[in-house]
Amino acid sequence: MPIYEYKCTQCGFTFDVLQKLSDPPIRKCTKCSGVTNKVISASGLVFKGSGWYITDYANKGKAKDEK
Protein backbone atom coordinates (compact mmCIF):
# COMPACT_ATOMS: atom_id res chain seq x y z
CA MET A 1 0.00 0.00 0.00
CA PRO A 2 1.33 3.44 -0.86
CA ILE A 3 1.91 6.25 1.60
CA TYR A 4 0.19 9.51 0.65
CA GLU A 5 1.18 12.93 1.95
CA TYR A 6 -1.50 15.54 2.64
CA LYS A 7 -1.22 19.24 3.47
CA CYS A 8 -3.88 21.39 5.11
CA THR A 9 -4.76 24.60 3.25
CA GLN A 10 -5.72 26.40 6.47
CA CYS A 11 -3.04 25.57 9.07
CA GLY A 12 -0.30 24.19 6.77
CA PHE A 13 0.01 20.93 8.74
CA THR A 14 1.38 18.02 6.69
CA PHE A 15 0.75 14.37 7.51
CA ASP A 16 1.27 10.95 5.91
CA VAL A 17 -1.38 8.27 5.54
CA LEU A 18 -1.00 4.63 4.50
CA GLN A 19 -3.92 4.00 2.13
CA LYS A 20 -5.10 1.55 -0.47
CA LEU A 21 -5.34 2.79 -4.05
CA SER A 22 -9.11 2.35 -3.89
CA ASP A 23 -9.53 4.42 -0.69
CA PRO A 24 -11.04 7.88 -1.13
CA PRO A 25 -8.70 10.83 -0.48
CA ILE A 26 -8.78 12.47 2.94
CA ARG A 27 -10.65 15.78 2.84
CA LYS A 28 -10.27 17.02 6.45
CA CYS A 29 -7.09 17.90 8.34
CA THR A 30 -6.41 15.70 11.37
CA LYS A 31 -5.31 18.75 13.37
CA CYS A 32 -7.81 21.57 12.59
CA SER A 33 -10.47 19.89 10.36
CA GLY A 34 -9.55 22.22 7.47
CA VAL A 35 -9.51 21.25 3.80
CA THR A 36 -6.54 19.10 2.68
CA ASN A 37 -4.82 18.46 -0.64
CA LYS A 38 -2.59 15.59 -1.73
CA VAL A 39 1.06 16.61 -2.06
CA ILE A 40 3.30 15.14 -4.74
CA SER A 41 6.59 14.19 -3.12
CA ALA A 42 9.71 12.35 -4.19
CA SER A 43 9.93 8.70 -3.31
CA GLY A 44 13.02 7.03 -1.93
CA LEU A 45 14.43 4.56 -4.41
CA VAL A 46 17.73 2.74 -3.97
CA PHE A 47 19.18 0.21 -6.42
CA LYS A 48 21.14 -2.45 -4.55
CA GLY A 49 22.68 -5.75 -5.56
CA SER A 50 23.83 -7.09 -8.87
CA GLY A 51 22.07 -6.53 -12.15
CA TRP A 52 22.33 -2.74 -12.31
CA TYR A 53 24.40 -0.76 -14.78
CA ILE A 54 26.75 0.75 -12.20
CA THR A 55 27.66 -2.56 -10.57
CA ASP A 56 27.74 -4.88 -13.59
CA TYR A 57 28.27 -3.09 -16.88
CA ALA A 58 30.22 0.08 -16.09
CA ASN A 59 33.41 -1.72 -15.04
CA LYS A 60 33.55 -4.38 -17.79
CA GLY A 61 34.87 -2.00 -20.43
CA LYS A 62 37.53 -0.61 -18.09
CA ALA A 63 38.87 -4.06 -17.26
CA LYS A 64 39.45 -4.86 -20.95
CA ASP A 65 41.19 -1.53 -21.58
CA GLU A 66 43.57 -1.99 -18.64
CA LYS A 67 44.81 -5.38 -19.88
C-alpha atoms as a PDB file:
ATOM      1  CA  MET A   1       0.000   0.000   0.000  1.00  0.00           C
ATOM      2  CA  PRO A   2       1.335   3.443  -0.863  1.00  0.00           C
ATOM      3  CA  ILE A   3       1.911   6.248   1.600  1.00  0.00           C
ATOM      4  CA  TYR A   4       0.189   9.512   0.650  1.00  0.00           C
ATOM      5  CA  GLU A   5       1.179  12.927   1.950  1.00  0.00           C
ATOM      6  CA  TYR A   6      -1.497  15.539   2.639  1.00  0.00           C
ATOM      7  CA  LYS A   7      -1.218  19.239   3.466  1.00  0.00           C
ATOM      8  CA  CYS A   8      -3.875  21.387   5.109  1.00  0.00           C
ATOM      9  CA  THR A   9      -4.759  24.601   3.247  1.00  0.00           C
ATOM     10  CA  GLN A  10      -5.723  26.397   6.470  1.00  0.00           C
ATOM     11  CA  CYS A  11      -3.035  25.571   9.075  1.00  0.00           C
ATOM     12  CA  GLY A  12      -0.297  24.195   6.767  1.00  0.00           C
ATOM     13  CA  PHE A  13       0.013  20.927   8.738  1.00  0.00           C
ATOM     14  CA  THR A  14       1.381  18.015   6.689  1.00  0.00           C
ATOM     15  CA  PHE A  15       0.750  14.365   7.506  1.00  0.00           C
ATOM     16  CA  ASP A  16       1.274  10.951   5.911  1.00  0.00           C
ATOM     17  CA  VAL A  17      -1.385   8.268   5.538  1.00  0.00           C
ATOM     18  CA  LEU A  18      -0.996   4.626   4.498  1.00  0.00           C
ATOM     19  CA  GLN A  19      -3.916   4.000   2.129  1.00  0.00           C
ATOM     20  CA  LYS A  20      -5.096   1.551  -0.475  1.00  0.00           C
ATOM     21  CA  LEU A  21      -5.336   2.792  -4.054  1.00  0.00           C
ATOM     22  CA  SER A  22      -9.106   2.345  -3.893  1.00  0.00           C
ATOM     23  CA  ASP A  23      -9.527   4.419  -0.694  1.00  0.00           C
ATOM     24  CA  PRO A  24     -11.035   7.877  -1.133  1.00  0.00           C
ATOM     25  CA  PRO A  25      -8.698  10.832  -0.482  1.00  0.00           C
ATOM     26  CA  ILE A  26      -8.779  12.466   2.940  1.00  0.00           C
ATOM     27  CA  ARG A  27     -10.654  15.775   2.844  1.00  0.00           C
ATOM     28  CA  LYS A  28     -10.273  17.020   6.453  1.00  0.00           C
ATOM     29  CA  CYS A  29      -7.090  17.904   8.341  1.00  0.00           C
ATOM     30  CA  THR A  30      -6.410  15.696  11.366  1.00  0.00           C
ATOM     31  CA  LYS A  31      -5.315  18.748  13.369  1.00  0.00           C
ATOM     32  CA  CYS A  32      -7.808  21.566  12.593  1.00  0.00           C
ATOM     33  CA  SER A  33     -10.467  19.890  10.359  1.00  0.00           C
ATOM     34  CA  GLY A  34      -9.551  22.219   7.473  1.00  0.00           C
ATOM     35  CA  VAL A  35      -9.506  21.254   3.796  1.00  0.00           C
ATOM     36  CA  THR A  36      -6.540  19.103   2.681  1.00  0.00           C
ATOM     37  CA  ASN A  37      -4.816  18.457  -0.643  1.00  0.00           C
ATOM     38  CA  LYS A  38      -2.588  15.594  -1.731  1.00  0.00           C
ATOM     39  CA  VAL A  39       1.056  16.606  -2.058  1.00  0.00           C
ATOM     40  CA  ILE A  40       3.301  15.138  -4.744  1.00  0.00           C
ATOM     41  CA  SER A  41       6.590  14.194  -3.117  1.00  0.00           C
ATOM     42  CA  ALA A  42       9.712  12.351  -4.195  1.00  0.00           C
ATOM     43  CA  SER A  43       9.933   8.702  -3.314  1.00  0.00           C
ATOM     44  CA  GLY A  44      13.016   7.028  -1.929  1.00  0.00           C
ATOM     45  CA  LEU A  45      14.426   4.560  -4.414  1.00  0.00           C
ATOM     46  CA  VAL A  46      17.731   2.739  -3.974  1.00  0.00           C
ATOM     47  CA  PHE A  47      19.183   0.207  -6.421  1.00  0.00           C
ATOM     48  CA  LYS A  48      21.140  -2.455  -4.548  1.00  0.00           C
ATOM     49  CA  GLY A  49      22.677  -5.750  -5.556  1.00  0.00           C
ATOM     50  CA  SER A  50      23.834  -7.092  -8.867  1.00  0.00           C
ATOM     51  CA  GLY A  51      22.073  -6.525 -12.153  1.00  0.00           C
ATOM     52  CA  TRP A  52      22.330  -2.737 -12.313  1.00  0.00           C
ATOM     53  CA  TYR A  53      24.402  -0.761 -14.782  1.00  0.00           C
ATOM     54  CA  ILE A  54      26.746   0.752 -12.203  1.00  0.00           C
ATOM     55  CA  THR A  55      27.663  -2.565 -10.568  1.00  0.00           C
ATOM     56  CA  ASP A  56      27.743  -4.877 -13.593  1.00  0.00           C
ATOM     57  CA  TYR A  57      28.273  -3.092 -16.881  1.00  0.00           C
ATOM     58  CA  ALA A  58      30.220   0.080 -16.094  1.00  0.00           C
ATOM     59  CA  ASN A  59      33.406  -1.717 -15.039  1.00  0.00           C
ATOM     60  CA  LYS A  60      33.553  -4.384 -17.787  1.00  0.00           C
ATOM     61  CA  GLY A  61      34.868  -1.998 -20.433  1.00  0.00           C
ATOM     62  CA  LYS A  62      37.528  -0.612 -18.090  1.00  0.00           C
ATOM     63  CA  ALA A  63      38.874  -4.062 -17.256  1.00  0.00           C
ATOM     64  CA  LYS A  64      39.451  -4.860 -20.954  1.00  0.00           C
ATOM     65  CA  ASP A  65      41.193  -1.534 -21.578  1.00  0.00           C
ATOM     66  CA  GLU A  66      43.571  -1.990 -18.638  1.00  0.00           C
ATOM     67  CA  LYS A  67      44.813  -5.383 -19.881  1.00  0.00           C
END
